[in-house]
Amino acid sequence: MTKPGANLFLELGFPPAVRLGVMVEPPLGDPDMPSLLAALAALDRELYCVVEQDMYPCDWAKPLPIAQRTYEYFKTCGMKVTR
């Protein structure tokens, strides 16, 4: 038997979860970015990431500053960033 709330994502749905703050930007939340980036660097391969902030539904002006802060944060972690 499953406890109420055990699978809150399925019970709540994505848009309401976003409105309640389920999405967070680095360095908040998990995983720990410095540890993750160190593990990726140990692979000794060329890698890339895409910075985006999916927050549907929301005001279109809200995701851009978060994506920009995430981009800047990755730069402080030593990542080579391009636009």
PDB file of N, CA and C in Angstrom:
ATOM      1  N   MET A   1       0.840  -1.181   0.000  1.00  0.00           N
ATOM      2  CA  MET A   1       0.000   0.000   0.000  1.00  0.00           C
ATOM      3  C   MET A   1       0.891   1.252   0.000  1.00  0.00           C
ATOM      4  N   THR A   2       0.560   2.205  -0.831  1.00  0.00           N
ATOM      5  CA  THR A   2       1.340   3.431  -0.956  1.00  0.00           C
ATOM      6  C   THR A   2       0.746   4.521  -0.077  1.00  0.00           C
ATOM      7  N   LYS A   3       1.641   5.237   0.607  1.00  0.00           N
ATOM      8  CA  LYS A   3       1.192   6.343   1.446  1.00  0.00           C
ATOM      9  C   LYS A   3       0.760   7.520   0.574  1.00  0.00           C
ATOM     10  N   PRO A   4      -0.230   8.287   1.023  1.00  0.00           N
ATOM     11  CA  PRO A   4      -0.585   9.501   0.281  1.00  0.00           C
ATOM     12  C   PRO A   4       0.640  10.409   0.193  1.00  0.00           C
ATOM     13  N   GLY A   5       0.866  10.972  -0.986  1.00  0.00           N
ATOM     14  CA  GLY A   5       2.007  11.856  -1.173  1.00  0.00           C
ATOM     15  C   GLY A   5       3.285  11.145  -1.551  1.00  0.00           C
ATOM     16  N   ALA A   6       3.282   9.807  -1.574  1.00  0.00           N
ATOM     17  CA  ALA A   6       4.495   9.057  -1.898  1.00  0.00           C
ATOM     18  C   ALA A   6       4.950   9.346  -3.316  1.00  0.00           C
ATOM     19  N   ASN A   7       4.032   9.579  -4.191  1.00  0.00           N
ATOM     20  CA  ASN A   7       4.378   9.931  -5.564  1.00  0.00           C
ATOM     21  C   ASN A   7       3.700  11.257  -5.885  1.00  0.00           C
ATOM     22  N   LEU A   8       4.141  12.284  -5.181  1.00  0.00           N
ATOM     23  CA  LEU A   8       3.497  13.586  -5.265  1.00  0.00           C
ATOM     24  C   LEU A   8       3.534  14.158  -6.674  1.00  0.00           C
ATOM     25  N   PHE A   9       4.608  13.893  -7.435  1.00  0.00           N
ATOM     26  CA  PHE A   9       4.688  14.418  -8.798  1.00  0.00           C
ATOM     27  C   PHE A   9       3.505  13.932  -9.620  1.00  0.00           C
ATOM     28  N   LEU A  10       3.217  12.654  -9.546  1.00  0.00           N
ATOM     29  CA  LEU A  10       2.104  12.116 -10.316  1.00  0.00           C
ATOM     30  C   LEU A  10       0.768  12.606  -9.788  1.00  0.00           C
ATOM     31  N   GLU A  11       0.691  12.797  -8.488  1.00  0.00           N
ATOM     32  CA  GLU A  11      -0.551  13.279  -7.899  1.00  0.00           C
ATOM     33  C   GLU A  11      -0.774  14.757  -8.191  1.00  0.00           C
ATOM     34  N   LEU A  12       0.286  15.520  -8.250  1.00  0.00           N
ATOM     35  CA  LEU A  12       0.188  16.964  -8.376  1.00  0.00           C
ATOM     36  C   LEU A  12       0.223  17.428  -9.830  1.00  0.00           C
ATOM     37  N   GLY A  13       1.088  16.851 -10.638  1.00  0.00           N
ATOM     38  CA  GLY A  13       1.249  17.296 -12.020  1.00  0.00           C
ATOM     39  C   GLY A  13       2.350  18.333 -12.139  1.00  0.00           C
ATOM     40  N   PHE A  14       2.926  18.451 -13.332  1.00  0.00           N
ATOM     41  CA  PHE A  14       4.081  19.316 -13.539  1.00  0.00           C
ATOM     42  C   PHE A  14       3.784  20.808 -13.359  1.00  0.00           C
ATOM     43  N   PRO A  15       2.784  21.389 -14.036  1.00  0.00           N
ATOM     44  CA  PRO A  15       2.565  22.832 -13.874  1.00  0.00           C
ATOM     45  C   PRO A  15       2.334  23.275 -12.424  1.00  0.00           C
ATOM     46  N   PRO A  16       1.484  22.594 -11.646  1.00  0.00           N
ATOM     47  CA  PRO A  16       1.327  23.024 -10.254  1.00  0.00           C
ATOM     48  C   PRO A  16       2.610  22.843  -9.437  1.00  0.00           C
ATOM     49  N   ALA A  17       3.365  21.788  -9.727  1.00  0.00           N
ATOM     50  CA  ALA A  17       4.623  21.568  -9.003  1.00  0.00           C
ATOM     51  C   ALA A  17       5.599  22.700  -9.278  1.00  0.00           C
ATOM     52  N   VAL A  18       5.658  23.164 -10.524  1.00  0.00           N
ATOM     53  CA  VAL A  18       6.533  24.293 -10.870  1.00  0.00           C
ATOM     54  C   VAL A  18       6.109  25.539 -10.110  1.00  0.00           C
ATOM     55  N   ARG A  19       4.821  25.801 -10.061  1.00  0.00           N
ATOM     56  CA  ARG A  19       4.329  26.974  -9.327  1.00  0.00           C
ATOM     57  C   ARG A  19       4.681  26.892  -7.843  1.00  0.00           C
ATOM     58  N   LEU A  20       4.803  25.678  -7.316  1.00  0.00           N
ATOM     59  CA  LEU A  20       5.146  25.499  -5.900  1.00  0.00           C
ATOM     60  C   LEU A  20       6.649  25.500  -5.651  1.00  0.00           C
ATOM     61  N   GLY A  21       7.454  25.643  -6.721  1.00  0.00           N
ATOM     62  CA  GLY A  21       8.891  25.787  -6.531  1.00  0.00           C
ATOM     63  C   GLY A  21       9.700  24.521  -6.661  1.00  0.00           C
ATOM     64  N   VAL A  22       9.192  23.496  -7.352  1.00  0.00           N
ATOM     65  CA  VAL A  22       9.931  22.241  -7.476  1.00  0.00           C
ATOM     66  C   VAL A  22      11.235  22.425  -8.250  1.00  0.00           C
ATOM     67  N   MET A  23      11.299  23.388  -9.150  1.00  0.00           N
ATOM     68  CA  MET A  23      12.507  23.626  -9.945  1.00  0.00           C
ATOM     69  C   MET A  23      13.385  24.637  -9.213  1.00  0.00           C
ATOM     70  N   VAL A  24      14.658  24.308  -9.053  1.00  0.00           N
ATOM     71  CA  VAL A  24      15.598  25.245  -8.447  1.00  0.00           C
ATOM     72  C   VAL A  24      16.825  25.362  -9.341  1.00  0.00           C
ATOM     73  N   GLU A  25      17.529  26.459  -9.185  1.00  0.00           N
ATOM     74  CA  GLU A  25      18.713  26.702  -9.996  1.00  0.00           C
ATOM     75  C   GLU A  25      19.974  26.349  -9.215  1.00  0.00           C
ATOM     76  N   PRO A  26      21.046  26.003  -9.922  1.00  0.00           N
ATOM     77  CA  PRO A  26      22.316  25.753  -9.232  1.00  0.00           C
ATOM     78  C   PRO A  26      22.797  27.036  -8.568  1.00  0.00           C
ATOM     79  N   PRO A  27      23.403  26.956  -7.419  1.00  0.00           N
ATOM     80  CA  PRO A  27      23.877  25.781  -6.708  1.00  0.00           C
ATOM     81  C   PRO A  27      22.865  25.209  -5.735  1.00  0.00           C
ATOM     82  N   LEU A  28      21.615  25.645  -5.810  1.00  0.00           N
ATOM     83  CA  LEU A  28      20.578  25.103  -4.939  1.00  0.00           C
ATOM     84  C   LEU A  28      20.218  23.698  -5.413  1.00  0.00           C
ATOM     85  N   GLY A  29      19.684  22.903  -4.567  1.00  0.00           N
ATOM     86  CA  GLY A  29      19.205  21.582  -4.970  1.00  0.00           C
ATOM     87  C   GLY A  29      20.311  20.567  -5.164  1.00  0.00           C
ATOM     88  N   ASP A  30      19.974  19.503  -5.832  1.00  0.00           N
ATOM     89  CA  ASP A  30      20.882  18.388  -6.093  1.00  0.00           C
ATOM     90  C   ASP A  30      20.976  18.171  -7.587  1.00  0.00           C
ATOM     91  N   PRO A  31      22.077  17.682  -8.070  1.00  0.00           N
ATOM     92  CA  PRO A  31      23.275  17.225  -7.365  1.00  0.00           C
ATOM     93  C   PRO A  31      24.185  18.398  -7.009  1.00  0.00           C
ATOM     94  N   ASP A  32      25.181  18.126  -6.177  1.00  0.00           N
ATOM     95  CA  ASP A  32      26.209  19.097  -5.838  1.00  0.00           C
ATOM     96  C   ASP A  32      27.038  19.340  -7.098  1.00  0.00           C
ATOM     97  N   MET A  33      26.965  20.551  -7.641  1.00  0.00           N
ATOM     98  CA  MET A  33      27.602  20.828  -8.934  1.00  0.00           C
ATOM     99  C   MET A  33      29.117  20.640  -8.938  1.00  0.00           C
ATOM    100  N   PRO A  34      29.870  21.148  -7.946  1.00  0.00           N
ATOM    101  CA  PRO A  34      31.320  20.919  -8.001  1.00  0.00           C
ATOM    102  C   PRO A  34      31.684  19.428  -8.042  1.00  0.00           C
ATOM    103  N   SER A  35      30.989  18.606  -7.285  1.00  0.00           N
ATOM    104  CA  SER A  35      31.262  17.159  -7.305  1.00  0.00           C
ATOM    105  C   SER A  35      30.899  16.560  -8.656  1.00  0.00           C
ATOM    106  N   LEU A  36      29.762  16.959  -9.197  1.00  0.00           N
ATOM    107  CA  LEU A  36      29.337  16.454 -10.497  1.00  0.00           C
ATOM    108  C   LEU A  36      30.318  16.869 -11.585  1.00  0.00           C
ATOM    109  N   LEU A  37      30.719  18.141 -11.581  1.00  0.00           N
ATOM    110  CA  LEU A  37      31.644  18.622 -12.604  1.00  0.00           C
ATOM    111  C   LEU A  37      33.008  17.947 -12.486  1.00  0.00           C
ATOM    112  N   ALA A  38      33.458  17.669 -11.268  1.00  0.00           N
ATOM    113  CA  ALA A  38      34.730  16.948 -11.080  1.00  0.00           C
ATOM    114  C   ALA A  38      34.632  15.537 -11.646  1.00  0.00           C
ATOM    115  N   ALA A  39      33.513  14.873 -11.421  1.00  0.00           N
ATOM    116  CA  ALA A  39      33.320  13.519 -11.953  1.00  0.00           C
ATOM    117  C   ALA A  39      33.282  13.541 -13.479  1.00  0.00           C
ATOM    118  N   LEU A  40      32.640  14.547 -14.044  1.00  0.00           N
ATOM    119  CA  LEU A  40      32.594  14.664 -15.503  1.00  0.00           C
ATOM    120  C   LEU A  40      33.974  14.966 -16.073  1.00  0.00           C
ATOM    121  N   ALA A  41      34.741  15.818 -15.395  1.00  0.00           N
ATOM    122  CA  ALA A  41      36.097  16.135 -15.853  1.00  0.00           C
ATOM    123  C   ALA A  41      36.984  14.892 -15.855  1.00  0.00           C
ATOM    124  N   ALA A  42      36.746  13.990 -14.912  1.00  0.00           N
ATOM    125  CA  ALA A  42      37.540  12.757 -14.825  1.00  0.00           C
ATOM    126  C   ALA A  42      37.302  11.842 -16.029  1.00  0.00           C
ATOM    127  N   LEU A  43      36.229  12.060 -16.767  1.00  0.00           N
ATOM    128  CA  LEU A  43      35.959  11.250 -17.955  1.00  0.00           C
ATOM    129  C   LEU A  43      36.926  11.578 -19.090  1.00  0.00           C
ATOM    130  N   ASP A  44      37.577  12.746 -19.004  1.00  0.00           N
ATOM    131  CA  ASP A  44      38.543  13.183 -20.010  1.00  0.00           C
ATOM    132  C   ASP A  44      37.946  13.138 -21.419  1.00  0.00           C
ATOM    133  N   ARG A  45      36.766  13.685 -21.548  1.00  0.00           N
ATOM    134  CA  ARG A  45      36.069  13.761 -22.839  1.00  0.00           C
ATOM    135  C   ARG A  45      35.533  15.166 -23.023  1.00  0.00           C
ATOM    136  N   GLU A  46      35.327  15.536 -24.265  1.00  0.00           N
ATOM    137  CA  GLU A  46      34.694  16.809 -24.540  1.00  0.00           C
ATOM    138  C   GLU A  46      33.196  16.660 -24.286  1.00  0.00           C
ATOM    139  N   LEU A  47      32.675  17.485 -23.410  1.00  0.00           N
ATOM    140  CA  LEU A  47      31.260  17.442 -23.053  1.00  0.00           C
ATOM    141  C   LEU A  47      30.656  18.828 -23.207  1.00  0.00           C
ATOM    142  N   TYR A  48      29.362  18.890 -23.299  1.00  0.00           N
ATOM    143  CA  TYR A  48      28.675  20.173 -23.336  1.00  0.00           C
ATOM    144  C   TYR A  48      27.369  20.044 -22.562  1.00  0.00           C
ATOM    145  N   CYS A  49      26.842  21.183 -22.174  1.00  0.00           N
ATOM    146  CA  CYS A  49      25.534  21.195 -21.532  1.00  0.00           C
ATOM    147  C   CYS A  49      24.724  22.341 -22.118  1.00  0.00           C
ATOM    148  N   VAL A  50      23.450  22.229 -22.016  1.00  0.00           N
ATOM    149  CA  VAL A  50      22.529  23.268 -22.466  1.00  0.00           C
ATOM    150  C   VAL A  50      21.901  23.872 -21.218  1.00  0.00           C
ATOM    151  N   VAL A  51      21.975  25.184 -21.109  1.00  0.00           N
ATOM    152  CA  VAL A  51      21.355  25.865 -19.979  1.00  0.00           C
ATOM    153  C   VAL A  51      19.997  26.383 -20.426  1.00  0.00           C
ATOM    154  N   GLU A  52      18.976  25.879 -19.775  1.00  0.00           N
ATOM    155  CA  GLU A  52      17.624  26.353 -20.036  1.00  0.00           C
ATOM    156  C   GLU A  52      16.851  26.304 -18.734  1.00  0.00           C
ATOM    157  N   GLN A  53      15.778  26.994 -18.687  1.00  0.00           N
ATOM    158  CA  GLN A  53      14.962  26.999 -17.481  1.00  0.00           C
ATOM    159  C   GLN A  53      13.521  26.768 -17.887  1.00  0.00           C
ATOM    160  N   ASP A  54      13.070  25.532 -17.785  1.00  0.00           N
ATOM    161  CA  ASP A  54      11.689  25.199 -18.110  1.00  0.00           C
ATOM    162  C   ASP A  54      10.821  25.452 -16.890  1.00  0.00           C
ATOM    163  N   MET A  55       9.902  26.360 -17.021  1.00  0.00           N
ATOM    164  CA  MET A  55       9.057  26.720 -15.889  1.00  0.00           C
ATOM    165  C   MET A  55       7.596  26.820 -16.288  1.00  0.00           C
ATOM    166  N   TYR A  56       7.213  26.114 -17.311  1.00  0.00           N
ATOM    167  CA  TYR A  56       5.821  26.192 -17.770  1.00  0.00           C
ATOM    168  C   TYR A  56       4.870  25.797 -16.658  1.00  0.00           C
ATOM    169  N   PRO A  57       3.819  26.477 -16.458  1.00  0.00           N
ATOM    170  CA  PRO A  57       3.447  27.760 -17.033  1.00  0.00           C
ATOM    171  C   PRO A  57       3.930  28.900 -16.147  1.00  0.00           C
ATOM    172  N   CYS A  58       4.418  29.940 -16.752  1.00  0.00           N
ATOM    173  CA  CYS A  58       4.841  31.112 -15.979  1.00  0.00           C
ATOM    174  C   CYS A  58       4.929  32.316 -16.906  1.00  0.00           C
ATOM    175  N   ASP A  59       5.155  33.468 -16.305  1.00  0.00           N
ATOM    176  CA  ASP A  59       5.409  34.678 -17.061  1.00  0.00           C
ATOM    177  C   ASP A  59       6.709  34.471 -17.838  1.00  0.00           C
ATOM    178  N   TRP A  60       6.724  34.822 -19.113  1.00  0.00           N
ATOM    179  CA  TRP A  60       7.898  34.590 -19.963  1.00  0.00           C
ATOM    180  C   TRP A  60       9.131  35.325 -19.466  1.00  0.00           C
ATOM    181  N   ALA A  61       8.982  36.380 -18.697  1.00  0.00           N
ATOM    182  CA  ALA A  61      10.132  37.144 -18.206  1.00  0.00           C
ATOM    183  C   ALA A  61      10.839  36.449 -17.040  1.00  0.00           C
ATOM    184  N   LYS A  62      10.215  35.477 -16.428  1.00  0.00           N
ATOM    185  CA  LYS A  62      10.795  34.844 -15.241  1.00  0.00           C
ATOM    186  C   LYS A  62      11.948  33.871 -15.525  1.00  0.00           C
ATOM    187  N   PRO A  63      11.899  33.011 -16.558  1.00  0.00           N
ATOM    188  CA  PRO A  63      12.969  32.043 -16.752  1.00  0.00           C
ATOM    189  C   PRO A  63      14.310  32.628 -17.203  1.00  0.00           C
ATOM    190  N   LEU A  64      14.304  33.708 -17.981  1.00  0.00           N
ATOM    191  CA  LEU A  64      15.553  34.239 -18.529  1.00  0.00           C
ATOM    192  C   LEU A  64      16.561  34.630 -17.455  1.00  0.00           C
ATOM    193  N   PRO A  65      16.196  35.395 -16.420  1.00  0.00           N
ATOM    194  CA  PRO A  65      17.184  35.734 -15.394  1.00  0.00           C
ATOM    195  C   PRO A  65      17.739  34.495 -14.679  1.00  0.00           C
ATOM    196  N   ILE A  66      16.908  33.486 -14.500  1.00  0.00           N
ATOM    197  CA  ILE A  66      17.378  32.252 -13.848  1.00  0.00           C
ATOM    198  C   ILE A  66      18.382  31.542 -14.749  1.00  0.00           C
ATOM    199  N   ALA A  67      18.079  31.447 -16.036  1.00  0.00           N
ATOM    200  CA  ALA A  67      19.019  30.829 -16.978  1.00  0.00           C
ATOM    201  C   ALA A  67      20.325  31.616 -17.022  1.00  0.00           C
ATOM    202  N   GLN A  68      20.250  32.944 -16.979  1.00  0.00           N
ATOM    203  CA  GLN A  68      21.460  33.769 -16.987  1.00  0.00           C
ATOM    204  C   GLN A  68      22.286  33.546 -15.728  1.00  0.00           C
ATOM    205  N   ARG A  69      21.645  33.445 -14.563  1.00  0.00           N
ATOM    206  CA  ARG A  69      22.382  33.173 -13.319  1.00  0.00           C
ATOM    207  C   ARG A  69      23.023  31.788 -13.368  1.00  0.00           C
ATOM    208  N   THR A  70      22.312  30.823 -13.924  1.00  0.00           N
ATOM    209  CA  THR A  70      22.861  29.466 -14.050  1.00  0.00           C
ATOM    210  C   THR A  70      24.079  29.478 -14.947  1.00  0.00           C
ATOM    211  N   TYR A  71      23.996  30.171 -16.060  1.00  0.00           N
ATOM    212  CA  TYR A  71      25.113  30.319 -16.992  1.00  0.00           C
ATOM    213  C   TYR A  71      26.326  30.925 -16.276  1.00  0.00           C
ATOM    214  N   GLU A  72      26.097  31.998 -15.534  1.00  0.00           N
ATOM    215  CA  GLU A  72      27.187  32.648 -14.789  1.00  0.00           C
ATOM    216  C   GLU A  72      27.742  31.721 -13.707  1.00  0.00           C
ATOM    217  N   TYR A  73      26.878  30.982 -13.042  1.00  0.00           N
ATOM    218  CA  TYR A  73      27.337  30.041 -12.014  1.00  0.00           C
ATOM    219  C   TYR A  73      28.267  28.995 -12.615  1.00  0.00           C
ATOM    220  N   PHE A  74      27.891  28.433 -13.766  1.00  0.00           N
ATOM    221  CA  PHE A  74      28.745  27.439 -14.405  1.00  0.00           C
ATOM    222  C   PHE A  74      30.107  28.029 -14.751  1.00  0.00           C
ATOM    223  N   LYS A  75      30.151  29.293 -15.125  1.00  0.00           N
ATOM    224  CA  LYS A  75      31.443  29.944 -15.398  1.00  0.00           C
ATOM    225  C   LYS A  75      32.298  29.977 -14.127  1.00  0.00           C
ATOM    226  N   THR A  76      31.679  30.254 -12.970  1.00  0.00           N
ATOM    227  CA  THR A  76      32.454  30.305 -11.721  1.00  0.00           C
ATOM    228  C   THR A  76      32.959  28.923 -11.317  1.00  0.00           C
ATOM    229  N   CYS A  77      32.350  27.886 -11.864  1.00  0.00           N
ATOM    230  CA  CYS A  77      32.789  26.510 -11.585  1.00  0.00           C
ATOM    231  C   CYS A  77      33.923  26.082 -12.519  1.00  0.00           C
ATOM    232  N   GLY A  78      34.360  26.995 -13.387  1.00  0.00           N
ATOM    233  CA  GLY A  78      35.465  26.679 -14.277  1.00  0.00           C
ATOM    234  C   GLY A  78      35.057  26.094 -15.614  1.00  0.00           C
ATOM    235  N   MET A  79      33.768  26.086 -15.893  1.00  0.00           N
ATOM    236  CA  MET A  79      33.338  25.548 -17.179  1.00  0.00           C
ATOM    237  C   MET A  79      33.599  26.570 -18.277  1.00  0.00           C
ATOM    238  N   LYS A  80      34.020  26.068 -19.427  1.00  0.00           N
ATOM    239  CA  LYS A  80      34.157  26.915 -20.607  1.00  0.00           C
ATOM    240  C   LYS A  80      32.757  27.111 -21.153  1.00  0.00           C
ATOM    241  N   VAL A  81      32.301  28.356 -21.201  1.00  0.00           N
ATOM    242  CA  VAL A  81      30.937  28.607 -21.635  1.00  0.00           C
ATOM    243  C   VAL A  81      30.936  29.439 -22.901  1.00  0.00           C
ATOM    244  N   THR A  82      29.979  29.160 -23.762  1.00  0.00           N
ATOM    245  CA  THR A  82      29.769  29.923 -24.982  1.00  0.00           C
ATOM    246  C   THR A  82      28.286  30.180 -25.134  1.00  0.00           C
ATOM    247  N   ARG A  83      27.949  31.084 -25.983  1.00  0.00           N
ATOM    248  CA  ARG A  83      26.528  31.371 -26.238  1.00  0.00           C
ATOM    249  C   ARG A  83      26.201  31.024 -27.645  1.00  0.00           C
TER     250      ARG A  83
END
